[in-house]
Protein backbone atom coordinates (compact mmCIF):
# COMPACT_ATOMS: atom_id res chain seq x y z
CA MET A 1 99.48 98.20 111.90
CA SER A 2 101.23 97.31 108.69
CA ILE A 3 102.97 99.60 106.23
CA ASN A 4 104.42 97.99 103.12
CA ARG A 5 106.81 99.67 100.71
CA HIS A 6 107.36 98.06 97.31
CA ASP A 7 109.56 99.37 94.51
CA GLY A 8 107.74 97.37 91.86
CA ALA A 9 104.19 97.40 93.24
CA ALA A 10 101.74 99.56 95.18
CA ASP A 11 102.57 100.51 98.76
CA GLY A 12 100.03 99.60 101.43
CA PHE A 13 98.78 100.67 104.85
CA VAL A 14 96.62 98.49 107.12
CA HIS A 15 95.32 99.32 110.60
CA SER A 16 93.68 96.42 112.44
CA VAL A 17 92.11 96.14 115.88
CA ASP A 18 91.17 92.80 117.44
CA ASP A 19 91.65 90.92 114.15
CA GLU A 20 89.40 93.35 112.26
CA VAL A 21 90.77 95.59 109.50
CA VAL A 22 89.70 99.11 110.47
CA LEU A 23 91.41 100.85 107.57
CA ARG A 24 93.27 99.72 104.45
CA PHE A 25 94.53 101.98 101.69
CA THR A 26 97.32 102.67 99.23
CA PRO A 27 99.27 105.75 100.43
CA LEU A 28 99.60 107.16 96.91
CA ALA A 29 95.85 106.92 96.26
CA ARG A 30 93.68 109.65 97.73
CA ARG A 31 90.56 107.54 97.56
CA GLY A 32 89.87 103.86 97.92
CA ARG A 33 89.99 103.52 101.71
CA LYS A 34 88.45 100.23 102.83
CA GLY A 35 87.81 98.44 106.09
CA ALA A 36 85.32 98.36 108.95
CA ASP A 37 85.70 102.13 109.56
CA PRO A 38 87.50 103.68 106.55
CA GLU A 39 86.67 107.25 107.65
CA ARG A 40 88.03 106.89 111.22
CA TRP A 41 91.42 108.48 110.50
CA LYS A 42 90.40 110.75 107.60
CA ALA A 43 91.14 114.03 109.43
CA VAL A 44 94.46 112.71 110.75
CA MET A 45 95.39 111.50 107.27
CA LYS A 46 94.92 115.04 106.00
CA GLN A 47 96.88 116.41 108.98
CA VAL A 48 99.94 114.23 108.17
CA GLY A 49 99.84 115.13 104.50
CA LEU A 50 98.01 112.19 102.90
CA GLY A 51 95.70 113.54 100.26
CA ARG A 52 95.49 115.48 97.06
CA HIS A 53 98.43 117.84 97.59
CA MET A 54 101.15 115.78 99.27
CA SER A 55 104.42 117.62 99.79
CA ASP A 56 106.16 114.59 101.37
CA PRO A 57 106.52 111.10 99.89
CA PRO A 58 103.32 109.09 100.50
CA ILE A 59 105.17 106.37 102.41
CA ALA A 60 106.58 108.99 104.82
CA CYS A 61 103.06 110.30 105.37
CA ALA A 62 101.86 106.74 106.05
CA PHE A 63 104.51 106.34 108.76
CA ALA A 64 103.47 109.72 110.22
CA LEU A 65 99.89 108.41 110.35
CA ALA A 66 101.08 105.27 112.14
CA GLU A 67 102.84 107.46 114.71
CA LYS A 68 99.64 109.45 115.32
CA ILE A 69 97.53 106.30 115.69
CA THR A 70 99.92 104.37 117.93
CA GLY A 71 101.67 107.17 119.80
CA VAL A 72 105.00 105.51 118.98
CA ALA A 73 107.56 107.80 117.36
CA LEU A 74 109.79 106.17 114.76
CA SER A 75 113.31 107.52 114.43
CA GLU A 76 115.05 108.09 111.09
CA ASP A 77 117.41 105.23 111.98
CA VAL A 78 114.48 102.85 112.34
CA LEU A 79 112.81 104.08 109.16
CA GLY A 80 116.08 103.65 107.26
CA MET A 81 116.19 99.90 107.94
CA ARG A 82 115.64 97.62 104.95
CA PHE A 83 113.23 95.33 106.76
CA LEU A 84 111.30 96.24 109.88
CA VAL A 85 108.91 93.87 111.63
CA ALA A 86 107.23 94.03 115.02
CA ARG A 87 104.91 91.59 116.74
CA THR A 88 101.76 92.87 118.38
CA VAL A 89 101.19 92.13 122.04
CA ALA A 90 97.75 91.76 123.56
CA ASP A 91 96.74 94.45 126.02
CA GLU A 92 96.30 92.77 129.40
CA HIS A 93 94.27 95.63 130.94
């Protein structure tokens, strides 16, 4: 999972599984989803506010989508950090 926020360029969201990009999109753009399964999270994207009538900032909606996909809640303190990076760990099960 990667969410990029840029002041001078387009923001980005990428969800990958086993080195394959499942979904890639720009949070501000309603269309243009790409990846191996670009429709997988379409209903959840709408649920978190990504779409035509967004009431929250697109980047906030992208983080809400990441929470739904991963099950990991991100606190406001974490989201307020300037630079946030996490390494993925292989599932040993």
